[in-house]
Amino acid sequence: TISNAICFSPDRRFAYYTDTPTRQIMRVPLDATEGWPSAPPEVFVDLKKDKRNPDGAVVDSGGCLWNAQWGAGQVARYSPDGTLLQTLDIPAAQATCPAFGDADLRTLFVTSAAQGRDGAEDGQTFQLASDVRGQLEHRIIL
């Protein structure tokens, strides 16, 4: 209903996106040659029971998906099979999108929103050290 967080696995076998209102992170298998979807989307992580709202996401070099969770003030890391591995808190309630940066891609930047909030840290971007490395963005052919 509101898709967000389009990102890709390092091996280019899967694309991911979130649907915030349904509280689901979806995974789409991709054709190895052309990169187009090869099957319908499937639920990768269902956050309904935890009442979490998935927002922006990025995939690290190990194939783990990092998802900002709106209203929870956190970024959650999921293994390639969808298992929750860790969560990192930020000092703003509305985490919106993570991205890896710096020369070694080991710094996780997390944006937040100030919509409906008035805290000093709401709407800020946060920088977190990571022990895992991100990946460069995939090139596309249009």
N, C-alpha and C. Protein backbone atom coordinates (compact mmCIF):
# COMPACT_ATOMS: atom_id res chain seq x y z
N THR A 1 0.82 -1.20 0.00
CA THR A 1 0.00 0.00 0.00
C THR A 1 0.86 1.26 0.00
N ILE A 2 1.93 1.28 0.80
CA ILE A 2 2.93 2.35 0.75
C ILE A 2 4.29 1.66 0.73
N SER A 3 4.82 1.46 -0.47
CA SER A 3 6.11 0.77 -0.56
C SER A 3 7.24 1.74 -0.30
N ASN A 4 8.33 1.20 0.24
CA ASN A 4 9.48 1.99 0.63
C ASN A 4 10.68 1.04 0.69
N ALA A 5 11.86 1.59 0.81
CA ALA A 5 13.06 0.81 1.14
C ALA A 5 13.55 -0.12 0.05
N ILE A 6 13.39 0.20 -1.18
CA ILE A 6 13.82 -0.73 -2.22
C ILE A 6 15.34 -0.90 -2.13
N CYS A 7 15.78 -2.16 -1.93
CA CYS A 7 17.20 -2.46 -1.83
C CYS A 7 17.41 -3.90 -2.32
N PHE A 8 18.68 -4.26 -2.52
CA PHE A 8 19.01 -5.51 -3.20
C PHE A 8 20.06 -6.31 -2.44
N SER A 9 19.96 -7.64 -2.53
CA SER A 9 20.95 -8.52 -1.92
C SER A 9 22.26 -8.41 -2.70
N PRO A 10 23.40 -8.66 -2.04
CA PRO A 10 24.69 -8.54 -2.72
C PRO A 10 24.84 -9.47 -3.93
N ASP A 11 24.20 -10.63 -3.88
CA ASP A 11 24.29 -11.58 -5.00
C ASP A 11 23.26 -11.29 -6.09
N ARG A 12 22.47 -10.25 -5.91
CA ARG A 12 21.46 -9.79 -6.87
C ARG A 12 20.32 -10.78 -7.10
N ARG A 13 20.15 -11.71 -6.18
CA ARG A 13 19.08 -12.70 -6.31
C ARG A 13 17.74 -12.19 -5.80
N PHE A 14 17.77 -11.15 -4.92
CA PHE A 14 16.54 -10.67 -4.31
C PHE A 14 16.50 -9.15 -4.24
N ALA A 15 15.29 -8.62 -4.37
CA ALA A 15 15.01 -7.23 -4.06
C ALA A 15 14.11 -7.23 -2.84
N TYR A 16 14.20 -6.19 -2.04
CA TYR A 16 13.38 -6.07 -0.84
C TYR A 16 12.64 -4.74 -0.88
N TYR A 17 11.47 -4.71 -0.30
CA TYR A 17 10.77 -3.45 -0.07
C TYR A 17 9.90 -3.60 1.16
N THR A 18 9.52 -2.48 1.74
CA THR A 18 8.65 -2.52 2.90
C THR A 18 7.27 -2.00 2.53
N ASP A 19 6.31 -2.40 3.31
CA ASP A 19 4.95 -1.87 3.18
C ASP A 19 4.55 -1.48 4.61
N THR A 20 4.70 -0.19 4.92
CA THR A 20 4.51 0.27 6.29
C THR A 20 3.11 -0.03 6.84
N PRO A 21 2.02 0.31 6.12
CA PRO A 21 0.69 0.05 6.69
C PRO A 21 0.40 -1.43 6.98
N THR A 22 0.94 -2.34 6.19
CA THR A 22 0.70 -3.76 6.46
C THR A 22 1.72 -4.35 7.43
N ARG A 23 2.75 -3.53 7.79
CA ARG A 23 3.81 -3.94 8.72
C ARG A 23 4.59 -5.15 8.24
N GLN A 24 4.88 -5.16 6.94
CA GLN A 24 5.62 -6.29 6.37
C GLN A 24 6.82 -5.81 5.55
N ILE A 25 7.87 -6.61 5.61
CA ILE A 25 9.01 -6.44 4.72
C ILE A 25 8.89 -7.56 3.69
N MET A 26 8.91 -7.19 2.43
CA MET A 26 8.70 -8.15 1.35
C MET A 26 10.02 -8.46 0.64
N ARG A 27 10.09 -9.67 0.07
CA ARG A 27 11.26 -10.09 -0.72
C ARG A 27 10.76 -10.58 -2.07
N VAL A 28 11.46 -10.16 -3.13
CA VAL A 28 11.09 -10.54 -4.49
C VAL A 28 12.27 -11.25 -5.14
N PRO A 29 12.11 -12.50 -5.58
CA PRO A 29 13.19 -13.17 -6.32
C PRO A 29 13.40 -12.48 -7.68
N LEU A 30 14.67 -12.37 -8.08
CA LEU A 30 15.01 -11.71 -9.33
C LEU A 30 15.63 -12.68 -10.33
N ASP A 31 15.37 -12.43 -11.60
CA ASP A 31 15.99 -13.18 -12.69
C ASP A 31 17.47 -12.84 -12.73
N ALA A 32 18.34 -13.85 -12.75
CA ALA A 32 19.78 -13.63 -12.71
C ALA A 32 20.31 -12.90 -13.94
N THR A 33 19.68 -13.05 -15.08
CA THR A 33 20.16 -12.43 -16.31
C THR A 33 19.69 -11.00 -16.46
N GLU A 34 18.41 -10.79 -16.34
CA GLU A 34 17.82 -9.47 -16.60
C GLU A 34 17.59 -8.63 -15.34
N GLY A 35 17.48 -9.28 -14.18
CA GLY A 35 17.23 -8.55 -12.95
C GLY A 35 15.78 -8.24 -12.66
N TRP A 36 14.88 -8.65 -13.52
CA TRP A 36 13.45 -8.41 -13.30
C TRP A 36 12.88 -9.45 -12.35
N PRO A 37 11.78 -9.15 -11.67
CA PRO A 37 11.16 -10.14 -10.78
C PRO A 37 10.88 -11.45 -11.51
N SER A 38 11.20 -12.56 -10.87
CA SER A 38 10.98 -13.88 -11.47
C SER A 38 9.85 -14.64 -10.78
N ALA A 39 9.31 -14.07 -9.71
CA ALA A 39 8.20 -14.69 -8.97
C ALA A 39 7.50 -13.59 -8.18
N PRO A 40 6.32 -13.87 -7.68
CA PRO A 40 5.61 -12.86 -6.87
C PRO A 40 6.37 -12.55 -5.57
N PRO A 41 6.15 -11.38 -4.99
CA PRO A 41 6.76 -11.06 -3.70
C PRO A 41 6.29 -12.03 -2.63
N GLU A 42 7.16 -12.24 -1.64
CA GLU A 42 6.82 -13.07 -0.49
C GLU A 42 7.14 -12.28 0.78
N VAL A 43 6.47 -12.59 1.87
CA VAL A 43 6.74 -11.92 3.13
C VAL A 43 8.10 -12.40 3.65
N PHE A 44 8.99 -11.47 3.87
CA PHE A 44 10.32 -11.75 4.41
C PHE A 44 10.29 -11.64 5.94
N VAL A 45 9.72 -10.54 6.44
CA VAL A 45 9.56 -10.33 7.88
C VAL A 45 8.17 -9.73 8.10
N ASP A 46 7.42 -10.32 9.01
CA ASP A 46 6.09 -9.81 9.36
C ASP A 46 6.18 -9.19 10.75
N LEU A 47 5.95 -7.89 10.84
CA LEU A 47 6.10 -7.17 12.11
C LEU A 47 4.77 -6.86 12.78
N LYS A 48 3.68 -7.48 12.32
CA LYS A 48 2.35 -7.20 12.88
C LYS A 48 2.29 -7.50 14.37
N LYS A 49 2.75 -8.67 14.79
CA LYS A 49 2.62 -9.05 16.19
C LYS A 49 3.46 -8.16 17.10
N ASP A 50 4.56 -7.61 16.58
CA ASP A 50 5.41 -6.72 17.37
C ASP A 50 4.95 -5.26 17.27
N LYS A 51 3.94 -5.01 16.42
CA LYS A 51 3.42 -3.66 16.19
C LYS A 51 4.52 -2.70 15.79
N ARG A 52 5.42 -3.17 14.92
CA ARG A 52 6.50 -2.35 14.38
C ARG A 52 6.12 -1.90 12.98
N ASN A 53 6.60 -0.71 12.61
CA ASN A 53 6.30 -0.12 11.31
C ASN A 53 7.57 -0.03 10.47
N PRO A 54 7.76 -0.95 9.54
CA PRO A 54 8.98 -0.92 8.74
C PRO A 54 9.00 0.27 7.80
N ASP A 55 10.15 0.93 7.73
CA ASP A 55 10.31 2.07 6.84
C ASP A 55 11.51 1.80 5.95
N GLY A 56 12.40 2.73 5.77
CA GLY A 56 13.54 2.55 4.87
C GLY A 56 14.44 1.41 5.28
N ALA A 57 15.19 0.88 4.31
CA ALA A 57 16.08 -0.25 4.58
C ALA A 57 17.28 -0.23 3.66
N VAL A 58 18.29 -0.98 4.05
CA VAL A 58 19.50 -1.17 3.25
C VAL A 58 20.00 -2.58 3.55
N VAL A 59 20.75 -3.15 2.60
CA VAL A 59 21.32 -4.49 2.78
C VAL A 59 22.83 -4.35 2.89
N ASP A 60 23.43 -5.04 3.86
CA ASP A 60 24.88 -4.98 4.03
C ASP A 60 25.58 -5.99 3.12
N SER A 61 26.91 -6.00 3.16
CA SER A 61 27.68 -6.87 2.26
C SER A 61 27.52 -8.35 2.56
N GLY A 62 27.03 -8.69 3.75
CA GLY A 62 26.77 -10.08 4.11
C GLY A 62 25.36 -10.53 3.78
N GLY A 63 24.57 -9.65 3.19
CA GLY A 63 23.20 -10.00 2.80
C GLY A 63 22.17 -9.78 3.89
N CYS A 64 22.55 -9.14 4.99
CA CYS A 64 21.59 -8.85 6.06
C CYS A 64 20.88 -7.53 5.77
N LEU A 65 19.59 -7.49 6.04
CA LEU A 65 18.78 -6.31 5.81
C LEU A 65 18.66 -5.51 7.10
N TRP A 66 18.94 -4.20 7.00
CA TRP A 66 18.82 -3.26 8.11
C TRP A 66 17.57 -2.43 7.85
N ASN A 67 16.62 -2.44 8.79
CA ASN A 67 15.35 -1.75 8.58
C ASN A 67 15.10 -0.72 9.67
N ALA A 68 14.83 0.54 9.25
CA ALA A 68 14.42 1.58 10.19
C ALA A 68 12.97 1.31 10.57
N GLN A 69 12.65 1.44 11.84
CA GLN A 69 11.31 1.12 12.30
C GLN A 69 10.66 2.36 12.91
N TRP A 70 9.76 2.94 12.11
CA TRP A 70 9.04 4.17 12.44
C TRP A 70 8.28 3.99 13.75
N GLY A 71 8.46 4.93 14.67
CA GLY A 71 7.75 4.89 15.94
C GLY A 71 8.46 4.10 17.02
N ALA A 72 9.46 3.32 16.65
CA ALA A 72 10.18 2.49 17.63
C ALA A 72 11.55 3.06 17.98
N GLY A 73 12.02 4.05 17.21
CA GLY A 73 13.33 4.64 17.49
C GLY A 73 14.46 3.64 17.35
N GLN A 74 14.35 2.79 16.34
CA GLN A 74 15.38 1.76 16.18
C GLN A 74 15.59 1.34 14.74
N VAL A 75 16.72 0.70 14.53
CA VAL A 75 17.03 0.03 13.27
C VAL A 75 17.24 -1.44 13.64
N ALA A 76 16.59 -2.33 12.91
CA ALA A 76 16.70 -3.76 13.18
C ALA A 76 17.47 -4.43 12.05
N ARG A 77 18.34 -5.36 12.41
CA ARG A 77 19.13 -6.11 11.42
C ARG A 77 18.59 -7.54 11.34
N TYR A 78 18.27 -7.98 10.11
CA TYR A 78 17.73 -9.32 9.87
C TYR A 78 18.69 -10.12 8.99
N SER A 79 18.86 -11.39 9.32
CA SER A 79 19.70 -12.29 8.52
C SER A 79 19.03 -12.53 7.16
N PRO A 80 19.77 -13.13 6.22
CA PRO A 80 19.17 -13.44 4.91
C PRO A 80 17.95 -14.36 4.98
N ASP A 81 17.76 -15.06 6.11
CA ASP A 81 16.55 -15.90 6.24
C ASP A 81 15.45 -15.20 7.03
N GLY A 82 15.65 -13.92 7.41
CA GLY A 82 14.62 -13.15 8.10
C GLY A 82 14.68 -13.20 9.62
N THR A 83 15.71 -13.82 10.19
CA THR A 83 15.87 -13.88 11.64
C THR A 83 16.40 -12.55 12.17
N LEU A 84 15.78 -12.04 13.23
CA LEU A 84 16.25 -10.81 13.86
C LEU A 84 17.60 -11.07 14.52
N LEU A 85 18.61 -10.30 14.13
CA LEU A 85 19.96 -10.47 14.68
C LEU A 85 20.29 -9.44 15.74
N GLN A 86 19.87 -8.19 15.54
CA GLN A 86 20.17 -7.14 16.50
C GLN A 86 19.30 -5.92 16.23
N THR A 87 19.21 -5.07 17.24
CA THR A 87 18.56 -3.78 17.07
C THR A 87 19.50 -2.70 17.61
N LEU A 88 19.47 -1.55 16.95
CA LEU A 88 20.23 -0.39 17.40
C LEU A 88 19.24 0.74 17.64
N ASP A 89 19.31 1.35 18.81
CA ASP A 89 18.41 2.44 19.14
C ASP A 89 18.98 3.77 18.67
N ILE A 90 18.10 4.68 18.29
CA ILE A 90 18.47 6.06 18.02
C ILE A 90 17.65 6.94 18.96
N PRO A 91 18.10 8.17 19.23
CA PRO A 91 17.38 9.01 20.19
C PRO A 91 16.18 9.76 19.61
N ALA A 92 15.65 9.33 18.50
CA ALA A 92 14.44 9.91 17.90
C ALA A 92 13.46 8.77 17.65
N ALA A 93 12.18 9.01 17.87
CA ALA A 93 11.18 7.95 17.77
C ALA A 93 10.94 7.48 16.34
N GLN A 94 11.06 8.38 15.38
CA GLN A 94 10.66 8.05 14.02
C GLN A 94 11.87 7.82 13.12
N ALA A 95 12.49 6.66 13.28
CA ALA A 95 13.60 6.28 12.39
C ALA A 95 13.02 6.09 10.99
N THR A 96 13.70 6.65 9.97
CA THR A 96 13.14 6.59 8.63
C THR A 96 13.97 5.80 7.63
N CYS A 97 15.30 5.91 7.66
CA CYS A 97 16.09 5.19 6.66
C CYS A 97 17.54 5.05 7.08
N PRO A 98 18.11 3.84 6.99
CA PRO A 98 19.54 3.65 7.24
C PRO A 98 20.31 3.62 5.92
N ALA A 99 21.58 3.98 5.98
CA ALA A 99 22.47 3.90 4.82
C ALA A 99 23.90 3.75 5.33
N PHE A 100 24.69 2.93 4.66
CA PHE A 100 26.09 2.78 5.03
C PHE A 100 26.92 3.83 4.30
N GLY A 101 27.92 4.35 5.00
CA GLY A 101 28.77 5.36 4.40
C GLY A 101 30.17 5.34 4.97
N ASP A 102 30.91 6.37 4.67
CA ASP A 102 32.34 6.53 4.96
C ASP A 102 33.13 5.66 3.99
N ALA A 103 34.43 5.86 3.97
CA ALA A 103 35.29 5.19 2.99
C ALA A 103 35.22 3.67 3.09
N ASP A 104 35.05 3.14 4.30
CA ASP A 104 35.03 1.68 4.48
C ASP A 104 33.62 1.10 4.58
N LEU A 105 32.62 1.94 4.42
CA LEU A 105 31.21 1.52 4.50
C LEU A 105 30.86 0.83 5.81
N ARG A 106 31.51 1.26 6.90
CA ARG A 106 31.24 0.68 8.22
C ARG A 106 30.54 1.66 9.16
N THR A 107 30.09 2.78 8.63
CA THR A 107 29.32 3.72 9.43
C THR A 107 27.88 3.66 8.95
N LEU A 108 26.97 3.46 9.89
CA LEU A 108 25.55 3.42 9.56
C LEU A 108 24.95 4.79 9.89
N PHE A 109 24.43 5.43 8.87
CA PHE A 109 23.73 6.71 9.05
C PHE A 109 22.23 6.39 9.08
N VAL A 110 21.52 7.02 10.00
CA VAL A 110 20.09 6.77 10.15
C VAL A 110 19.37 8.12 10.19
N THR A 111 18.44 8.32 9.26
CA THR A 111 17.64 9.54 9.28
C THR A 111 16.41 9.31 10.14
N SER A 112 15.85 10.43 10.59
CA SER A 112 14.61 10.37 11.37
C SER A 112 13.69 11.49 10.91
N ALA A 113 12.44 11.42 11.33
CA ALA A 113 11.45 12.43 10.96
C ALA A 113 10.97 13.16 12.21
N ALA A 114 10.57 14.41 12.01
CA ALA A 114 10.04 15.21 13.11
C ALA A 114 8.53 15.37 13.03
N GLN A 115 7.91 14.71 12.08
CA GLN A 115 6.45 14.83 11.89
C GLN A 115 5.71 14.52 13.19
N GLY A 116 4.97 15.51 13.68
CA GLY A 116 4.19 15.33 14.90
C GLY A 116 5.03 15.27 16.17
N ARG A 117 6.29 15.58 16.09
CA ARG A 117 7.21 15.49 17.23
C ARG A 117 7.89 16.84 17.40
N ASP A 118 8.35 17.14 18.59
CA ASP A 118 9.06 18.40 18.79
C ASP A 118 10.30 18.25 19.67
N GLY A 119 10.81 17.03 19.77
CA GLY A 119 12.04 16.81 20.53
C GLY A 119 13.25 17.36 19.79
N ALA A 120 14.28 17.70 20.54
CA ALA A 120 15.49 18.29 19.95
C ALA A 120 16.16 17.37 18.94
N GLU A 121 16.00 16.06 19.10
CA GLU A 121 16.68 15.12 18.19
C GLU A 121 15.77 14.59 17.09
N ASP A 122 14.51 14.88 17.16
CA ASP A 122 13.58 14.44 16.11
C ASP A 122 13.92 15.17 14.81
N GLY A 123 13.97 14.42 13.72
CA GLY A 123 14.29 15.00 12.42
C GLY A 123 15.78 15.06 12.13
N GLN A 124 16.60 14.55 13.04
CA GLN A 124 18.05 14.58 12.86
C GLN A 124 18.54 13.31 12.15
N THR A 125 19.78 13.36 11.69
CA THR A 125 20.46 12.19 11.13
C THR A 125 21.50 11.74 12.15
N PHE A 126 21.57 10.45 12.39
CA PHE A 126 22.47 9.88 13.40
C PHE A 126 23.53 9.02 12.73
N GLN A 127 24.67 8.95 13.37
CA GLN A 127 25.81 8.19 12.87
C GLN A 127 26.16 7.13 13.90
N LEU A 128 26.15 5.86 13.47
CA LEU A 128 26.44 4.74 14.36
C LEU A 128 27.59 3.91 13.80
N ALA A 129 28.54 3.56 14.63
CA ALA A 129 29.63 2.67 14.21
C ALA A 129 29.06 1.27 14.03
N SER A 130 29.56 0.58 13.03
CA SER A 130 29.08 -0.78 12.75
C SER A 130 30.26 -1.73 12.62
N ASP A 131 30.07 -2.96 13.06
CA ASP A 131 31.13 -3.96 12.89
C ASP A 131 30.95 -4.74 11.59
N VAL A 132 29.95 -4.39 10.81
CA VAL A 132 29.75 -5.00 9.50
C VAL A 132 29.90 -3.93 8.43
N ARG A 133 30.15 -4.36 7.22
CA ARG A 133 30.36 -3.46 6.11
C ARG A 133 29.12 -3.41 5.23
N GLY A 134 28.81 -2.22 4.76
CA GLY A 134 27.72 -2.06 3.81
C GLY A 134 28.16 -2.53 2.43
N GLN A 135 27.37 -2.26 1.45
CA GLN A 135 27.73 -2.58 0.06
C GLN A 135 27.48 -1.34 -0.79
N LEU A 136 28.20 -1.23 -1.87
CA LEU A 136 27.96 -0.15 -2.81
C LEU A 136 26.61 -0.39 -3.47
N GLU A 137 25.96 0.68 -3.86
CA GLU A 137 24.66 0.55 -4.52
C GLU A 137 24.82 -0.16 -5.87
N HIS A 138 23.85 -0.94 -6.23
CA HIS A 138 23.87 -1.68 -7.48
C HIS A 138 23.63 -0.74 -8.65
N ARG A 139 24.31 -0.97 -9.74
CA ARG A 139 24.09 -0.21 -10.96
C ARG A 139 22.89 -0.80 -11.68
N ILE A 140 22.16 0.07 -12.33
CA ILE A 140 21.01 -0.39 -13.10
C ILE A 140 21.12 0.05 -14.54
N ILE A 141 20.47 -0.67 -15.40
CA ILE A 141 20.43 -0.32 -16.81
C ILE A 141 18.99 0.08 -17.14
N LEU A 142 18.81 1.29 -17.59
CA LEU A 142 17.47 1.74 -17.93
C LEU A 142 17.25 1.69 -19.42
